[in-house]
Amino acid sequence: MEKEIFKATSNFLRRENLLRDTRGVSIEEQLGMFMV
């Protein structure tokens, strides 16, 4: 996945409150783990 698409997806998930950062894991990390 291209970097711009990954960032746009992360921003969308954050903006729509579909995911949120936790104490130890950011939305970007959560999305990366999901994609693996």
C-alpha atoms as a PDB file:
ATOM      1  CA  MET A   1       0.000   0.000   0.000  1.00  0.00           C
ATOM      2  CA  GLU A   2       1.278   3.464  -0.829  1.00  0.00           C
ATOM      3  CA  LYS A   3       2.212   5.742   2.046  1.00  0.00           C
ATOM      4  CA  GLU A   4      -0.374   8.389   1.083  1.00  0.00           C
ATOM      5  CA  ILE A   5      -3.202   5.826   1.015  1.00  0.00           C
ATOM      6  CA  PHE A   6      -2.141   4.425   4.383  1.00  0.00           C
ATOM      7  CA  LYS A   7      -2.112   7.904   5.957  1.00  0.00           C
ATOM      8  CA  ALA A   8      -5.471   8.804   4.378  1.00  0.00           C
ATOM      9  CA  THR A   9      -7.009   5.582   5.715  1.00  0.00           C
ATOM     10  CA  SER A  10      -5.587   6.225   9.183  1.00  0.00           C
ATOM     11  CA  ASN A  11      -6.908   9.788   9.154  1.00  0.00           C
ATOM     12  CA  PHE A  12     -10.349   8.613   7.993  1.00  0.00           C
ATOM     13  CA  LEU A  13     -10.565   6.000  10.758  1.00  0.00           C
ATOM     14  CA  ARG A  14      -9.555   8.620  13.332  1.00  0.00           C
ATOM     15  CA  ARG A  15     -11.917  11.309  11.991  1.00  0.00           C
ATOM     16  CA  GLU A  16     -14.927   8.955  11.901  1.00  0.00           C
ATOM     17  CA  ASN A  17     -14.060   7.575  15.376  1.00  0.00           C
ATOM     18  CA  LEU A  18     -13.850   4.039  13.995  1.00  0.00           C
ATOM     19  CA  LEU A  19     -10.495   3.507  15.726  1.00  0.00           C
ATOM     20  CA  ARG A  20      -8.638   5.435  18.385  1.00  0.00           C
ATOM     21  CA  ASP A  21      -5.154   5.471  19.823  1.00  0.00           C
ATOM     22  CA  THR A  22      -4.677   3.468  22.993  1.00  0.00           C
ATOM     23  CA  ARG A  23      -1.991   3.949  25.634  1.00  0.00           C
ATOM     24  CA  GLY A  24       0.399   1.636  23.830  1.00  0.00           C
ATOM     25  CA  VAL A  25      -0.791   1.363  20.220  1.00  0.00           C
ATOM     26  CA  SER A  26      -1.495   4.124  17.709  1.00  0.00           C
ATOM     27  CA  ILE A  27      -4.108   3.906  14.967  1.00  0.00           C
ATOM     28  CA  GLU A  28      -1.303   3.545  12.431  1.00  0.00           C
ATOM     29  CA  GLU A  29       0.112   0.554  14.318  1.00  0.00           C
ATOM     30  CA  GLN A  30      -3.349  -1.011  14.643  1.00  0.00           C
ATOM     31  CA  LEU A  31      -3.964  -0.598  10.905  1.00  0.00           C
ATOM     32  CA  GLY A  32      -0.530  -2.036  10.090  1.00  0.00           C
ATOM     33  CA  MET A  33      -1.151  -5.110  12.266  1.00  0.00           C
ATOM     34  CA  PHE A  34      -4.562  -5.620  10.654  1.00  0.00           C
ATOM     35  CA  MET A  35      -3.035  -5.516   7.179  1.00  0.00           C
ATOM     36  CA  VAL A  36      -0.350  -8.115   7.947  1.00  0.00           C
END
